Amino acid sequence: MARVRETAAQKEARVIEAAARVFRRLGFARTSMEAIASEAGMSRPALYLVFPGKDEIFAATVEHLGQALLEELRDGAAGLSSPGERLAAICRRWVVEGFERAAEHPEQRDLTDPGREPVKQVYLRLESLVEGEIAALGTSRPSAAAVARMLVASMRGLKDAAGSVEEARALIDLQIALVLAGLRAEQGQRDEKAAAEALGTPPPPRA
């Protein structure tokens, strides 16, 4: 039986899946084109016909993994009724699964390092997803973009600070509770001000 020839897209997918396994085991610096080729079941020359170098493979791998995770986050939160619930579900899953992956593969830190441009782009897309849920809560000051940026930055720190998956979950739940409480307080102040302006009276003083 004649072997079915792979398309270019199929070869790229095979390399990316193999590279993800190697980068998780070895990290970026210790990963070689030889190791990726071996994992993908092809020769080095064949690998260079698919990608010109390790940097390009890394970028494609991070893009693939990041896009898959963001879609899972979006789909997992879609069935929840309120923006607050969706925000909590998105942030909790990002932090907890990130902690679990890091514990299983300590060398995979390169795949989550925002100092690397491909990873930074994934974090920016996460910020956009988080921003959408915060905007749905009705915040205007601080802006939804500013709150999302702060929250995503804190999520990166929580994964490093937590000593266990339970602590990671507890920390992100606390962070979300604080953010939501702050946004509710800000909304309450706006409502009080609007009511006072409608009645032509000054708003009540703050303690």
C-alpha atoms as a PDB file:
ATOM      1  CA  MET A   1       0.000   0.000   0.000  1.00  0.00           C
ATOM      2  CA  ALA A   2       1.388   3.381  -0.957  1.00  0.00           C
ATOM      3  CA  ARG A   3       2.112   5.725   1.934  1.00  0.00           C
ATOM      4  CA  VAL A   4      -0.155   8.770   2.025  1.00  0.00           C
ATOM      5  CA  ARG A   5       1.955  11.891   1.718  1.00  0.00           C
ATOM      6  CA  GLU A   6       1.554  14.496   4.438  1.00  0.00           C
ATOM      7  CA  THR A   7       0.479  17.993   3.539  1.00  0.00           C
ATOM      8  CA  ALA A   8       2.592  20.938   4.636  1.00  0.00           C
ATOM      9  CA  ALA A   9       0.037  21.730   7.350  1.00  0.00           C
ATOM     10  CA  GLN A  10       0.164  18.155   8.647  1.00  0.00           C
ATOM     11  CA  LYS A  11       3.956  18.256   8.801  1.00  0.00           C
ATOM     12  CA  GLU A  12       3.837  21.533  10.721  1.00  0.00           C
ATOM     13  CA  ALA A  13       1.323  20.078  13.168  1.00  0.00           C
ATOM     14  CA  ARG A  14       3.517  17.002  13.698  1.00  0.00           C
ATOM     15  CA  VAL A  15       6.566  19.156  14.385  1.00  0.00           C
ATOM     16  CA  ILE A  16       4.668  21.457  16.769  1.00  0.00           C
ATOM     17  CA  GLU A  17       3.267  18.549  18.784  1.00  0.00           C
ATOM     18  CA  ALA A  18       6.722  16.982  19.010  1.00  0.00           C
ATOM     19  CA  ALA A  19       8.365  20.303  19.881  1.00  0.00           C
ATOM     20  CA  ALA A  20       5.868  20.911  22.690  1.00  0.00           C
ATOM     21  CA  ARG A  21       6.908  17.643  24.323  1.00  0.00           C
ATOM     22  CA  VAL A  22      10.612  18.427  23.952  1.00  0.00           C
ATOM     23  CA  PHE A  23      10.366  22.038  25.169  1.00  0.00           C
ATOM     24  CA  ARG A  24       8.455  20.827  28.236  1.00  0.00           C
ATOM     25  CA  ARG A  25      11.131  18.255  29.030  1.00  0.00           C
ATOM     26  CA  LEU A  26      14.229  20.299  28.276  1.00  0.00           C
ATOM     27  CA  GLY A  27      13.307  23.990  28.146  1.00  0.00           C
ATOM     28  CA  PHE A  28      14.256  26.256  25.260  1.00  0.00           C
ATOM     29  CA  ALA A  29      18.030  26.473  25.760  1.00  0.00           C
ATOM     30  CA  ARG A  30      18.632  22.711  25.977  1.00  0.00           C
ATOM     31  CA  THR A  31      16.319  21.842  23.092  1.00  0.00           C
ATOM     32  CA  SER A  32      18.047  21.225  19.770  1.00  0.00           C
ATOM     33  CA  MET A  33      16.755  20.845  16.261  1.00  0.00           C
ATOM     34  CA  GLU A  34      18.103  17.292  16.413  1.00  0.00           C
ATOM     35  CA  ALA A  35      15.944  16.536  19.456  1.00  0.00           C
ATOM     36  CA  ILE A  36      12.831  17.973  17.818  1.00  0.00           C
ATOM     37  CA  ALA A  37      13.475  16.077  14.593  1.00  0.00           C
ATOM     38  CA  SER A  38      13.937  12.829  16.490  1.00  0.00           C
ATOM     39  CA  GLU A  39      10.736  13.371  18.482  1.00  0.00           C
ATOM     40  CA  ALA A  40       8.848  14.173  15.278  1.00  0.00           C
ATOM     41  CA  GLY A  41      10.202  11.089  13.536  1.00  0.00           C
ATOM     42  CA  MET A  42      12.016  12.912  10.752  1.00  0.00           C
ATOM     43  CA  SER A  43      15.538  13.856   9.776  1.00  0.00           C
ATOM     44  CA  ARG A  44      17.096  17.225  10.551  1.00  0.00           C
ATOM     45  CA  PRO A  45      17.150  18.218   6.867  1.00  0.00           C
ATOM     46  CA  ALA A  46      13.454  17.347   6.626  1.00  0.00           C
ATOM     47  CA  LEU A  47      12.753  19.436   9.730  1.00  0.00           C
ATOM     48  CA  TYR A  48      14.520  22.452   8.212  1.00  0.00           C
ATOM     49  CA  LEU A  49      12.190  22.177   5.220  1.00  0.00           C
ATOM     50  CA  VAL A  50       9.247  22.698   7.602  1.00  0.00           C
ATOM     51  CA  PHE A  51      10.712  25.416   9.869  1.00  0.00           C
ATOM     52  CA  PRO A  52      13.869  27.468   9.324  1.00  0.00           C
ATOM     53  CA  GLY A  53      15.022  27.266  12.941  1.00  0.00           C
ATOM     54  CA  LYS A  54      14.311  26.665  16.621  1.00  0.00           C
ATOM     55  CA  ASP A  55      13.008  30.179  17.255  1.00  0.00           C
ATOM     56  CA  GLU A  56      10.329  29.748  14.616  1.00  0.00           C
ATOM     57  CA  ILE A  57       9.351  26.352  16.006  1.00  0.00           C
ATOM     58  CA  PHE A  58       9.137  27.810  19.502  1.00  0.00           C
ATOM     59  CA  ALA A  59       6.927  30.671  18.316  1.00  0.00           C
ATOM     60  CA  ALA A  60       4.607  28.292  16.462  1.00  0.00           C
ATOM     61  CA  THR A  61       4.442  25.946  19.453  1.00  0.00           C
ATOM     62  CA  VAL A  62       3.599  28.721  21.916  1.00  0.00           C
ATOM     63  CA  GLU A  63       0.972  30.097  19.518  1.00  0.00           C
ATOM     64  CA  HIS A  64      -0.611  26.657  19.171  1.00  0.00           C
ATOM     65  CA  LEU A  65      -0.626  25.872  22.889  1.00  0.00           C
ATOM     66  CA  GLY A  66      -1.766  29.356  23.856  1.00  0.00           C
ATOM     67  CA  GLN A  67      -4.607  29.449  21.343  1.00  0.00           C
ATOM     68  CA  ALA A  68      -5.823  26.017  22.441  1.00  0.00           C
ATOM     69  CA  LEU A  69      -5.816  27.021  26.108  1.00  0.00           C
ATOM     70  CA  LEU A  70      -7.562  30.350  25.484  1.00  0.00           C
ATOM     71  CA  GLU A  71     -10.288  28.585  23.506  1.00  0.00           C
ATOM     72  CA  GLU A  72     -10.731  26.104  26.360  1.00  0.00           C
ATOM     73  CA  LEU A  73     -10.992  28.968  28.855  1.00  0.00           C
ATOM     74  CA  ARG A  74     -13.556  30.767  26.710  1.00  0.00           C
ATOM     75  CA  ASP A  75     -15.620  27.642  26.096  1.00  0.00           C
ATOM     76  CA  GLY A  76     -15.457  26.572  29.739  1.00  0.00           C
ATOM     77  CA  ALA A  77     -16.762  29.919  30.939  1.00  0.00           C
ATOM     78  CA  ALA A  78     -19.421  30.290  28.248  1.00  0.00           C
ATOM     79  CA  GLY A  79     -22.072  28.392  30.205  1.00  0.00           C
ATOM     80  CA  LEU A  80     -21.786  30.614  33.294  1.00  0.00           C
ATOM     81  CA  SER A  81     -24.448  33.264  33.722  1.00  0.00           C
ATOM     82  CA  SER A  82     -22.583  36.287  35.106  1.00  0.00           C
ATOM     83  CA  PRO A  83     -19.398  38.128  34.114  1.00  0.00           C
ATOM     84  CA  GLY A  84     -18.060  37.681  37.646  1.00  0.00           C
ATOM     85  CA  GLU A  85     -18.470  33.910  37.468  1.00  0.00           C
ATOM     86  CA  ARG A  86     -16.864  33.785  34.031  1.00  0.00           C
ATOM     87  CA  LEU A  87     -13.973  35.971  35.182  1.00  0.00           C
ATOM     88  CA  ALA A  88     -13.353  33.733  38.191  1.00  0.00           C
ATOM     89  CA  ALA A  89     -13.502  30.558  36.090  1.00  0.00           C
ATOM     90  CA  ILE A  90     -11.066  31.905  33.488  1.00  0.00           C
ATOM     91  CA  CYS A  91      -8.512  33.150  36.013  1.00  0.00           C
ATOM     92  CA  ARG A  92      -8.779  30.112  38.298  1.00  0.00           C
ATOM     93  CA  ARG A  93      -8.227  27.656  35.458  1.00  0.00           C
ATOM     94  CA  TRP A  94      -5.296  29.627  34.028  1.00  0.00           C
ATOM     95  CA  VAL A  95      -3.505  29.759  37.379  1.00  0.00           C
ATOM     96  CA  VAL A  96      -4.282  26.235  38.580  1.00  0.00           C
ATOM     97  CA  GLU A  97      -3.497  24.470  35.307  1.00  0.00           C
ATOM     98  CA  GLY A  98      -0.367  26.560  34.898  1.00  0.00           C
ATOM     99  CA  PHE A  99       0.775  25.541  38.366  1.00  0.00           C
ATOM    100  CA  GLU A 100       0.059  21.869  37.643  1.00  0.00           C
ATOM    101  CA  ARG A 101       1.952  21.953  34.330  1.00  0.00           C
ATOM    102  CA  ALA A 102       4.947  23.657  35.949  1.00  0.00           C
ATOM    103  CA  ALA A 103       5.001  21.076  38.740  1.00  0.00           C
ATOM    104  CA  GLU A 104       4.919  18.238  36.219  1.00  0.00           C
ATOM    105  CA  HIS A 105       7.471  19.793  33.848  1.00  0.00           C
ATOM    106  CA  PRO A 106       9.729  22.273  35.728  1.00  0.00           C
ATOM    107  CA  GLU A 107      11.775  22.906  32.577  1.00  0.00           C
ATOM    108  CA  GLN A 108       8.757  24.261  30.707  1.00  0.00           C
ATOM    109  CA  ARG A 109       9.132  27.709  32.307  1.00  0.00           C
ATOM    110  CA  ASP A 110      10.268  29.054  28.917  1.00  0.00           C
ATOM    111  CA  LEU A 111       6.797  28.304  27.550  1.00  0.00           C
ATOM    112  CA  THR A 112       5.254  30.691  30.096  1.00  0.00           C
ATOM    113  CA  ASP A 113       7.950  33.387  30.243  1.00  0.00           C
ATOM    114  CA  PRO A 114       6.396  36.704  29.099  1.00  0.00           C
ATOM    115  CA  GLY A 115       9.900  37.992  28.436  1.00  0.00           C
ATOM    116  CA  ARG A 116       9.762  35.927  25.243  1.00  0.00           C
ATOM    117  CA  GLU A 117       7.741  37.652  22.538  1.00  0.00           C
ATOM    118  CA  PRO A 118       5.543  34.670  21.547  1.00  0.00           C
ATOM    119  CA  VAL A 119       4.552  34.153  25.191  1.00  0.00           C
ATOM    120  CA  LYS A 120       3.933  37.879  25.640  1.00  0.00           C
ATOM    121  CA  GLN A 121       1.432  37.780  22.767  1.00  0.00           C
ATOM    122  CA  VAL A 122      -0.476  34.949  24.463  1.00  0.00           C
ATOM    123  CA  TYR A 123      -0.646  36.963  27.688  1.00  0.00           C
ATOM    124  CA  LEU A 124      -1.952  39.963  25.752  1.00  0.00           C
ATOM    125  CA  ARG A 125      -4.747  37.802  24.347  1.00  0.00           C
ATOM    126  CA  LEU A 126      -5.490  36.566  27.862  1.00  0.00           C
ATOM    127  CA  GLU A 127      -5.693  40.204  28.994  1.00  0.00           C
ATOM    128  CA  SER A 128      -8.182  40.874  26.191  1.00  0.00           C
ATOM    129  CA  LEU A 129     -10.342  37.931  27.299  1.00  0.00           C
ATOM    130  CA  VAL A 130     -10.260  39.056  30.938  1.00  0.00           C
ATOM    131  CA  GLU A 131     -10.916  42.662  29.924  1.00  0.00           C
ATOM    132  CA  GLY A 132     -14.120  41.643  28.157  1.00  0.00           C
ATOM    133  CA  GLU A 133     -15.553  40.093  31.320  1.00  0.00           C
ATOM    134  CA  ILE A 134     -14.481  43.050  33.469  1.00  0.00           C
ATOM    135  CA  ALA A 135     -16.055  45.483  30.997  1.00  0.00           C
ATOM    136  CA  ALA A 136     -19.280  43.484  31.219  1.00  0.00           C
ATOM    137  CA  LEU A 137     -19.316  44.256  34.949  1.00  0.00           C
ATOM    138  CA  GLY A 138     -19.724  47.930  34.077  1.00  0.00           C
ATOM    139  CA  THR A 139     -16.468  49.403  35.386  1.00  0.00           C
ATOM    140  CA  SER A 140     -15.297  52.740  34.042  1.00  0.00           C
ATOM    141  CA  ARG A 141     -12.727  53.917  36.593  1.00  0.00           C
ATOM    142  CA  PRO A 142     -10.293  52.262  36.675  1.00  0.00           C
ATOM    143  CA  SER A 143     -10.692  51.118  33.107  1.00  0.00           C
ATOM    144  CA  ALA A 144     -11.421  47.489  32.285  1.00  0.00           C
ATOM    145  CA  ALA A 145      -8.088  47.351  30.444  1.00  0.00           C
ATOM    146  CA  ALA A 146      -6.170  48.568  33.502  1.00  0.00           C
ATOM    147  CA  VAL A 147      -7.896  46.090  35.824  1.00  0.00           C
ATOM    148  CA  ALA A 148      -7.272  43.238  33.357  1.00  0.00           C
ATOM    149  CA  ARG A 149      -3.591  44.135  33.084  1.00  0.00           C
ATOM    150  CA  MET A 150      -3.209  44.222  36.866  1.00  0.00           C
ATOM    151  CA  LEU A 151      -5.071  40.947  37.315  1.00  0.00           C
ATOM    152  CA  VAL A 152      -3.112  39.035  34.672  1.00  0.00           C
ATOM    153  CA  ALA A 153       0.180  40.373  36.069  1.00  0.00           C
ATOM    154  CA  SER A 154      -0.808  39.177  39.542  1.00  0.00           C
ATOM    155  CA  MET A 155      -1.784  35.769  38.132  1.00  0.00           C
ATOM    156  CA  ARG A 156       1.780  35.284  36.881  1.00  0.00           C
ATOM    157  CA  GLY A 157       3.091  36.011  40.366  1.00  0.00           C
ATOM    158  CA  LEU A 158       0.586  33.743  42.085  1.00  0.00           C
ATOM    159  CA  LYS A 159       1.773  30.728  40.117  1.00  0.00           C
ATOM    160  CA  ASP A 160       5.313  31.337  41.377  1.00  0.00           C
ATOM    161  CA  ALA A 161       4.308  32.176  44.953  1.00  0.00           C
ATOM    162  CA  ALA A 162       2.008  29.227  45.622  1.00  0.00           C
ATOM    163  CA  GLY A 163       3.473  26.159  47.278  1.00  0.00           C
ATOM    164  CA  SER A 164       0.699  23.806  46.205  1.00  0.00           C
ATOM    165  CA  VAL A 165      -2.197  23.647  43.781  1.00  0.00           C
ATOM    166  CA  GLU A 166      -4.584  24.202  46.703  1.00  0.00           C
ATOM    167  CA  GLU A 167      -2.738  27.379  47.684  1.00  0.00           C
ATOM    168  CA  ALA A 168      -2.701  28.552  44.062  1.00  0.00           C
ATOM    169  CA  ARG A 169      -6.476  28.085  43.900  1.00  0.00           C
ATOM    170  CA  ALA A 170      -7.012  29.871  47.225  1.00  0.00           C
ATOM    171  CA  LEU A 171      -4.802  32.809  46.215  1.00  0.00           C
ATOM    172  CA  ILE A 172      -6.505  33.403  42.885  1.00  0.00           C
ATOM    173  CA  ASP A 173      -9.939  33.088  44.502  1.00  0.00           C
ATOM    174  CA  LEU A 174      -8.921  35.751  47.020  1.00  0.00           C
ATOM    175  CA  GLN A 175      -7.557  37.989  44.262  1.00  0.00           C
ATOM    176  CA  ILE A 176     -10.792  37.695  42.278  1.00  0.00           C
ATOM    177  CA  ALA A 177     -12.894  38.384  45.376  1.00  0.00           C
ATOM    178  CA  LEU A 178     -10.892  41.555  46.063  1.00  0.00           C
ATOM    179  CA  VAL A 179     -11.197  42.734  42.462  1.00  0.00           C
ATOM    180  CA  LEU A 180     -14.941  42.122  42.362  1.00  0.00           C
ATOM    181  CA  ALA A 181     -15.456  43.832  45.733  1.00  0.00           C
ATOM    182  CA  GLY A 182     -13.505  46.854  44.520  1.00  0.00           C
ATOM    183  CA  LEU A 183     -15.507  47.061  41.298  1.00  0.00           C
ATOM    184  CA  ARG A 184     -18.797  46.783  43.199  1.00  0.00           C
ATOM    185  CA  ALA A 185     -17.707  49.572  45.540  1.00  0.00           C
ATOM    186  CA  GLU A 186     -16.762  51.764  42.587  1.00  0.00           C
ATOM    187  CA  GLN A 187     -20.123  51.053  40.963  1.00  0.00           C
ATOM    188  CA  GLY A 188     -21.901  51.934  44.217  1.00  0.00           C
ATOM    189  CA  GLN A 189     -20.108  55.269  44.397  1.00  0.00           C
ATOM    190  CA  ARG A 190     -21.114  56.064  40.823  1.00  0.00           C
ATOM    191  CA  ASP A 191     -24.728  55.180  41.567  1.00  0.00           C
ATOM    192  CA  GLU A 192     -24.746  57.380  44.677  1.00  0.00           C
ATOM    193  CA  LYS A 193     -23.273  60.287  42.736  1.00  0.00           C
ATOM    194  CA  ALA A 194     -25.780  59.881  39.909  1.00  0.00           C
ATOM    195  CA  ALA A 195     -28.682  59.755  42.372  1.00  0.00           C
ATOM    196  CA  ALA A 196     -27.423  62.837  44.210  1.00  0.00           C
ATOM    197  CA  GLU A 197     -27.052  64.772  40.949  1.00  0.00           C
ATOM    198  CA  ALA A 198     -30.559  63.787  39.909  1.00  0.00           C
ATOM    199  CA  LEU A 199     -31.941  65.093  43.219  1.00  0.00           C
ATOM    200  CA  GLY A 200     -29.738  68.183  43.188  1.00  0.00           C
ATOM    201  CA  THR A 201     -28.111  67.258  46.504  1.00  0.00           C
ATOM    202  CA  PRO A 202     -24.447  66.578  47.317  1.00  0.00           C
ATOM    203  CA  PRO A 203     -23.465  62.915  47.631  1.00  0.00           C
ATOM    204  CA  PRO A 204     -22.967  61.581  51.156  1.00  0.00           C
ATOM    205  CA  PRO A 205     -19.438  62.116  52.551  1.00  0.00           C
ATOM    206  CA  ARG A 206     -17.040  59.176  52.618  1.00  0.00           C
ATOM    207  CA  ALA A 207     -15.728  57.961  55.972  1.00  0.00           C
END
